[in-house]
N, C-alpha and C. Protein backbone atom coordinates (compact mmCIF):
# COMPACT_ATOMS: atom_id res chain seq x y z
N MET A 1 -20.74 0.05 1.97
CA MET A 1 -21.32 -1.07 2.74
C MET A 1 -21.23 0.08 3.74
N LEU A 2 -19.89 1.23 4.04
CA LEU A 2 -19.89 1.05 5.51
C LEU A 2 -21.01 2.43 6.07
N VAL A 3 -21.61 2.80 4.67
CA VAL A 3 -22.60 3.44 5.07
C VAL A 3 -24.44 2.41 5.85
N ALA A 4 -24.53 1.79 4.60
CA ALA A 4 -25.36 0.92 4.87
C ALA A 4 -24.94 0.59 6.51
N SER A 5 -23.77 -0.41 6.78
CA SER A 5 -23.54 -0.69 8.53
C SER A 5 -24.08 1.07 9.62
N ALA A 6 -23.88 1.82 9.14
CA ALA A 6 -23.77 2.80 10.15
C ALA A 6 -25.17 3.58 10.23
N GLN A 7 -26.64 3.31 8.96
CA GLN A 7 -27.91 3.79 9.12
C GLN A 7 -28.40 2.27 9.71
N ALA A 8 -27.80 1.15 9.68
CA ALA A 8 -28.75 0.11 10.65
C ALA A 8 -28.33 0.49 11.79
N ALA A 9 -26.93 0.53 12.55
CA ALA A 9 -26.94 0.73 13.92
C ALA A 9 -27.24 1.77 14.10
N GLU A 10 -27.84 3.13 13.74
CA GLU A 10 -28.68 4.53 14.38
C GLU A 10 -30.06 3.92 13.63
N ARG A 11 -30.39 2.58 13.33
CA ARG A 11 -32.01 2.99 12.99
C ARG A 11 -32.14 1.81 14.47
N GLN A 12 -31.35 0.98 14.94
CA GLN A 12 -31.35 0.03 16.42
C GLN A 12 -31.26 0.52 17.64
N LYS A 13 -30.94 1.84 17.25
CA LYS A 13 -31.03 2.83 18.98
C LYS A 13 -32.36 3.52 18.94
N MET A 14 -32.68 3.44 20.05
CA MET A 14 -33.69 3.76 20.67
C MET A 14 -33.55 5.40 21.25
N LYS A 15 -34.79 5.79 21.34
CA LYS A 15 -35.20 7.22 21.69
C LYS A 15 -35.95 7.06 22.86
N TYR A 16 -35.22 7.55 24.11
CA TYR A 16 -36.28 7.95 25.52
C TYR A 16 -36.23 9.03 26.07
N LEU A 17 -37.56 9.30 26.12
CA LEU A 17 -37.60 10.61 26.88
C LEU A 17 -37.23 11.14 28.18
N VAL A 18 -36.89 11.79 28.50
CA VAL A 18 -35.88 11.68 29.81
C VAL A 18 -36.60 12.84 30.65
N THR A 19 -36.53 12.93 32.05
CA THR A 19 -37.64 13.92 32.99
C THR A 19 -36.50 14.19 33.98
N ALA A 20 -35.97 15.30 34.57
CA ALA A 20 -35.12 15.57 35.91
C ALA A 20 -36.08 16.69 36.58
N SER A 21 -35.87 16.43 37.68
CA SER A 21 -37.15 17.27 38.83
C SER A 21 -36.78 16.77 39.93
N GLU A 22 -36.69 18.33 40.79
CA GLU A 22 -36.82 18.02 42.10
C GLU A 22 -35.45 18.13 42.82
N GLY A 23 -34.83 19.18 41.66
CA GLY A 23 -33.29 19.50 42.25
C GLY A 23 -33.25 20.00 43.64
N PRO A 24 -31.58 20.10 44.11
CA PRO A 24 -31.76 21.03 44.86
C PRO A 24 -31.44 22.16 45.42
N GLY A 25 -32.14 22.92 46.26
CA GLY A 25 -32.15 24.03 46.15
C GLY A 25 -31.16 24.33 47.51
N TRP A 26 -31.03 25.83 48.00
CA TRP A 26 -30.54 26.68 48.62
C TRP A 26 -31.31 28.02 49.44
N SER A 27 -30.51 27.85 50.64
CA SER A 27 -31.25 29.13 51.57
C SER A 27 -30.53 30.37 51.72
N THR A 28 -28.57 30.28 51.07
CA THR A 28 -27.73 30.92 51.41
C THR A 28 -26.97 31.61 50.17
N PRO A 29 -26.60 32.57 50.20
CA PRO A 29 -25.36 32.87 48.87
C PRO A 29 -24.73 31.21 48.79
N GLU A 30 -23.69 31.14 50.22
CA GLU A 30 -22.70 30.24 50.10
C GLU A 30 -23.20 28.64 49.35
N GLU A 31 -24.07 28.38 49.92
CA GLU A 31 -25.24 27.19 49.87
C GLU A 31 -25.72 27.33 48.27
N ALA A 32 -26.13 28.26 47.55
CA ALA A 32 -26.19 28.80 46.27
C ALA A 32 -24.83 28.48 44.82
N LEU A 33 -23.54 29.11 46.27
CA LEU A 33 -22.43 29.07 45.14
C LEU A 33 -22.17 27.66 45.22
N ASN A 34 -22.16 26.72 46.34
CA ASN A 34 -21.76 25.23 46.48
C ASN A 34 -22.64 24.44 45.53
N VAL A 35 -23.90 24.47 45.60
CA VAL A 35 -24.49 23.98 44.40
C VAL A 35 -24.46 23.82 43.26
N LEU A 36 -24.43 25.69 42.81
CA LEU A 36 -24.06 26.08 40.82
C LEU A 36 -22.78 25.65 41.10
N GLU A 37 -21.62 25.57 41.87
CA GLU A 37 -20.13 25.15 41.76
C GLU A 37 -19.92 23.72 41.25
N LYS A 38 -20.95 22.96 42.01
CA LYS A 38 -20.71 21.67 42.74
C LYS A 38 -21.16 20.45 41.44
N GLY A 39 -22.63 21.44 41.08
CA GLY A 39 -23.79 20.13 40.81
C GLY A 39 -24.19 20.96 39.07
N VAL A 40 -24.90 22.23 39.43
CA VAL A 40 -25.50 22.40 38.82
C VAL A 40 -24.56 23.16 37.27
N LEU A 41 -24.15 23.80 37.00
CA LEU A 41 -23.43 23.81 35.94
C LEU A 41 -22.16 22.86 35.67
N PRO A 42 -21.43 21.65 36.29
CA PRO A 42 -21.21 20.74 35.28
C PRO A 42 -21.98 19.49 34.78
N THR A 43 -23.08 19.71 35.56
CA THR A 43 -24.26 18.88 34.55
C THR A 43 -24.89 19.53 33.28
N PHE A 44 -25.03 21.01 33.48
CA PHE A 44 -25.05 21.44 32.36
C PHE A 44 -23.92 21.23 31.49
N ASP A 45 -22.66 20.97 31.87
CA ASP A 45 -21.41 20.53 30.84
C ASP A 45 -21.82 19.30 30.34
N ILE A 46 -22.41 18.13 31.72
CA ILE A 46 -22.38 17.28 30.61
C ILE A 46 -23.63 17.14 29.65
N LEU A 47 -24.47 17.58 30.11
CA LEU A 47 -25.59 17.77 28.71
C LEU A 47 -25.10 18.43 27.72
N LEU A 48 -24.21 19.68 27.61
CA LEU A 48 -24.17 20.04 26.26
C LEU A 48 -22.64 18.97 25.66
N LYS A 49 -22.22 18.31 26.40
CA LYS A 49 -21.54 17.87 25.60
C LYS A 49 -22.38 16.25 24.64
N LEU A 50 -23.16 15.77 25.92
CA LEU A 50 -24.05 14.93 25.27
C LEU A 50 -24.77 15.64 23.86
N GLU A 51 -25.46 16.42 23.94
CA GLU A 51 -26.30 17.47 22.92
C GLU A 51 -25.14 17.31 21.70
N ALA A 52 -23.91 17.81 21.92
CA ALA A 52 -22.91 18.10 20.59
C ALA A 52 -22.46 16.77 20.09
N GLU A 53 -22.42 15.63 20.96
CA GLU A 53 -22.36 14.13 20.43
C GLU A 53 -23.70 13.64 20.06
N LYS A 54 -24.52 14.20 19.57
CA LYS A 54 -25.99 14.18 19.03
C LYS A 54 -25.83 12.70 19.82
N ARG A 55 -25.95 12.16 20.96
CA ARG A 55 -26.70 11.79 21.93
C ARG A 55 -28.28 12.09 23.08
N ILE A 56 -28.06 13.25 23.01
CA ILE A 56 -29.08 13.82 23.15
C ILE A 56 -29.55 14.89 21.87
N VAL A 57 -31.15 14.33 21.13
CA VAL A 57 -31.13 14.40 20.10
C VAL A 57 -32.53 16.33 20.12
N ALA A 58 -32.55 16.18 21.10
CA ALA A 58 -34.11 17.58 21.31
C ALA A 58 -33.62 17.53 22.88
N GLY A 59 -34.10 18.83 23.21
CA GLY A 59 -34.14 19.00 24.69
C GLY A 59 -34.02 20.28 25.53
N GLY A 60 -34.38 20.62 26.67
CA GLY A 60 -34.17 21.89 27.02
C GLY A 60 -34.79 22.00 28.64
N LEU A 61 -35.35 23.49 29.49
CA LEU A 61 -36.11 23.45 30.17
C LEU A 61 -36.80 24.38 30.04
N PRO A 62 -38.43 23.78 30.74
CA PRO A 62 -39.51 24.40 31.20
C PRO A 62 -38.99 26.45 31.41
N VAL A 63 -39.52 26.84 30.75
CA VAL A 63 -39.45 28.24 31.34
C VAL A 63 -39.80 28.34 32.63
N GLY A 64 -38.50 29.01 33.54
CA GLY A 64 -39.12 29.19 34.43
C GLY A 64 -39.17 27.83 36.09
N GLU A 65 -38.85 26.81 35.18
CA GLU A 65 -39.25 25.61 36.29
C GLU A 65 -37.20 24.79 36.45
N ARG A 66 -37.52 24.43 37.16
CA ARG A 66 -36.19 23.25 38.02
C ARG A 66 -36.35 22.39 37.46
N LYS A 67 -36.11 21.82 36.27
CA LYS A 67 -36.89 20.53 35.52
C LYS A 67 -36.05 20.76 34.42
N LEU A 68 -35.34 19.25 33.93
CA LEU A 68 -35.10 19.03 32.74
C LEU A 68 -35.43 18.40 31.70
N ILE A 69 -35.91 18.74 30.57
CA ILE A 69 -36.51 17.79 29.52
C ILE A 69 -35.58 17.15 28.48
N PHE A 70 -35.64 16.37 27.98
CA PHE A 70 -34.75 15.89 26.94
C PHE A 70 -34.71 14.68 26.07
N ILE A 71 -34.34 14.29 24.81
CA ILE A 71 -34.91 13.21 24.68
C ILE A 71 -33.68 12.23 24.38
N LEU A 72 -32.71 11.37 24.66
CA LEU A 72 -31.43 10.94 24.57
C LEU A 72 -31.93 9.11 23.95
N GLU A 73 -30.65 9.41 23.11
CA GLU A 73 -30.76 8.64 22.15
C GLU A 73 -29.67 7.46 22.24
N ALA A 74 -29.71 6.20 22.57
CA ALA A 74 -29.13 5.04 23.46
C ALA A 74 -29.35 3.47 22.84
N SER A 75 -28.22 3.06 22.32
CA SER A 75 -29.12 1.41 21.94
C SER A 75 -29.56 0.33 23.07
N SER A 76 -29.58 1.01 24.52
CA SER A 76 -30.30 0.18 25.31
C SER A 76 -30.45 0.63 26.33
N ASN A 77 -31.35 0.13 27.44
CA ASN A 77 -31.53 0.65 28.35
C ASN A 77 -30.17 0.38 29.87
N GLU A 78 -29.42 -0.27 29.66
CA GLU A 78 -28.36 0.24 30.47
C GLU A 78 -27.37 1.37 29.98
N GLU A 79 -27.85 1.28 28.93
CA GLU A 79 -26.40 2.88 28.25
C GLU A 79 -27.21 3.91 28.85
N VAL A 80 -28.69 4.03 28.92
CA VAL A 80 -29.30 5.37 29.13
C VAL A 80 -29.11 5.63 30.90
N ASP A 81 -28.99 4.07 31.57
CA ASP A 81 -28.87 3.94 33.04
C ASP A 81 -27.38 4.89 33.42
N GLN A 82 -26.28 4.23 32.56
CA GLN A 82 -24.49 4.77 32.67
C GLN A 82 -24.85 6.22 32.09
N VAL A 83 -25.63 6.36 31.60
CA VAL A 83 -25.15 8.10 31.08
C VAL A 83 -26.17 8.79 31.87
N LEU A 84 -26.82 8.77 32.78
CA LEU A 84 -27.66 9.27 33.46
C LEU A 84 -26.66 9.14 35.35
N ARG A 85 -26.03 8.51 34.94
CA ARG A 85 -25.75 8.16 36.42
C ARG A 85 -23.88 8.33 36.22
N ASP A 86 -23.62 9.16 35.02
CA ASP A 86 -22.52 10.08 34.69
C ASP A 86 -23.02 11.65 35.17
N ILE A 87 -24.05 12.09 35.17
CA ILE A 87 -24.52 13.47 35.27
C ILE A 87 -24.62 13.54 36.52
N PRO A 88 -23.65 14.82 37.24
CA PRO A 88 -23.07 15.37 38.36
C PRO A 88 -24.60 15.10 39.55
N LEU A 89 -25.68 15.76 38.20
CA LEU A 89 -27.00 15.68 40.05
C LEU A 89 -27.98 14.41 39.82
N TRP A 90 -27.05 13.87 39.05
CA TRP A 90 -28.03 11.89 39.04
C TRP A 90 -28.60 11.62 40.65
N GLY A 91 -28.01 12.12 41.88
CA GLY A 91 -28.40 11.32 42.96
C GLY A 91 -29.46 12.31 43.60
N VAL A 92 -29.44 13.61 42.78
CA VAL A 92 -30.25 14.35 43.85
C VAL A 92 -31.32 14.40 43.11
N LEU A 93 -31.66 14.16 41.91
CA LEU A 93 -32.92 14.69 41.20
C LEU A 93 -33.84 13.74 41.20
N LYS A 94 -34.94 13.52 40.83
CA LYS A 94 -36.27 12.96 40.48
C LYS A 94 -35.96 12.24 39.21
N TRP A 95 -36.02 11.29 38.47
CA TRP A 95 -35.31 10.90 37.00
C TRP A 95 -36.98 10.21 36.44
N GLU A 96 -37.26 10.47 35.69
CA GLU A 96 -38.50 9.94 34.67
C GLU A 96 -37.83 9.29 33.24
N VAL A 97 -37.72 7.93 33.07
CA VAL A 97 -36.95 7.62 31.69
C VAL A 97 -38.53 7.46 30.95
N ILE A 98 -38.35 7.07 29.93
CA ILE A 98 -39.71 6.52 29.11
C ILE A 98 -39.38 6.30 27.67
N PRO A 99 -39.56 4.60 27.37
CA PRO A 99 -38.72 4.72 26.41
C PRO A 99 -39.74 5.29 24.83
N LEU A 100 -39.19 5.48 24.01
CA LEU A 100 -40.24 5.97 23.20
C LEU A 100 -40.35 5.15 21.48
N GLU A 101 -41.35 4.69 21.04
CA GLU A 101 -41.44 3.84 20.58
C GLU A 101 -41.24 4.58 18.69
N SER A 102 -40.87 4.47 17.78
CA SER A 102 -40.58 5.20 16.64
C SER A 102 -41.99 5.50 16.21
N PHE A 103 -42.08 6.03 15.12
CA PHE A 103 -43.49 6.41 14.70
C PHE A 103 -43.69 5.47 13.39
N ASP A 104 -42.25 5.24 12.59
CA ASP A 104 -42.52 4.08 11.56
C ASP A 104 -42.34 2.93 12.48
N GLY A 105 -42.00 2.16 13.39
CA GLY A 105 -41.86 1.47 14.01
C GLY A 105 -43.37 0.89 14.07
N ARG A 106 -44.36 1.76 15.07
CA ARG A 106 -46.07 1.70 14.97
C ARG A 106 -46.68 1.42 14.06
N ALA A 107 -46.27 2.55 12.61
CA ALA A 107 -47.05 2.32 11.54
C ALA A 107 -46.71 0.89 11.23
N GLN A 108 -45.98 0.49 11.23
CA GLN A 108 -45.94 -0.85 10.59
C GLN A 108 -46.23 -2.21 11.26
N LYS A 109 -46.76 -1.73 12.58
CA LYS A 109 -47.10 -3.05 13.26
C LYS A 109 -49.08 -2.21 13.09
N GLU A 110 -49.49 -1.44 12.66
CA GLU A 110 -50.33 -0.87 12.58
C GLU A 110 -50.73 -1.99 11.02
N ARG A 111 -49.96 -1.70 10.16
CA ARG A 111 -50.76 -1.87 9.19
C ARG A 111 -50.38 -3.46 9.13
N SER A 112 -49.54 -4.18 9.94
CA SER A 112 -49.79 -5.21 10.38
C SER A 112 -51.17 -6.17 10.79
N VAL A 113 -51.79 -5.00 11.34
CA VAL A 113 -52.62 -5.60 12.21
C VAL A 113 -53.84 -5.33 11.44
N LEU A 114 -53.90 -4.30 10.35
CA LEU A 114 -54.97 -3.98 9.48
C LEU A 114 -54.90 -4.68 8.49
N SER A 115 -53.79 -5.69 7.74
CA SER A 115 -53.87 -6.51 7.04
C SER A 115 -53.77 -7.75 7.53
N GLU A 116 -54.05 -8.07 8.63
CA GLU A 116 -54.73 -9.70 8.94
C GLU A 116 -55.98 -9.53 9.78
N LEU A 117 -56.55 -8.44 9.72
CA LEU A 117 -57.74 -8.15 10.25
C LEU A 117 -58.93 -8.24 8.83
N LYS A 118 -57.96 -7.71 7.40
CA LYS A 118 -58.70 -8.04 6.00
C LYS A 118 -58.63 -9.41 5.06
N LYS A 119 -57.41 -9.79 6.35
CA LYS A 119 -58.09 -11.63 5.62
C LYS A 119 -58.57 -12.43 6.80
N GLN A 120 -58.61 -11.88 8.16
CA GLN A 120 -59.62 -12.65 8.59
C GLN A 120 -61.14 -12.19 7.94
N ARG A 121 -61.50 -10.99 7.33
CA ARG A 121 -62.85 -10.71 6.86
C ARG A 121 -63.04 -11.37 5.50
N THR A 122 -62.06 -11.48 4.89
CA THR A 122 -62.08 -11.99 3.63
C THR A 122 -62.49 -13.38 3.21
N ASN A 123 -61.98 -14.40 4.60
CA ASN A 123 -62.07 -15.85 5.34
C ASN A 123 -63.27 -16.14 5.84
N ALA A 124 -63.98 -14.97 6.24
CA ALA A 124 -64.96 -15.44 7.09
C ALA A 124 -66.47 -14.93 6.36
């Protein structure tokens, strides 16, 4: 019974495609030290923790870009908002969050539409 309820809870989680870009730059070695020490590395620490907790299911950085892209699993929009606000660079990055519909969920909808169209054709 516990396994079934755990699986049901997992199915209720949504996936969100998260992109963060336009982070802080620096023009002097002192600024670089400050940004890396107080913003960039603590942000990576949080992201690694979320990945270890399986809350981030995939992600990384496009090679050569100052951008983060990851898929976050969460139970609600509010949970996503809180997770992002807990990231040290939250206030200085530009965020885009796209809720993703599961392949299974969309397939079920399309099967339902197909079934309804077939019924209409039969009744016509």
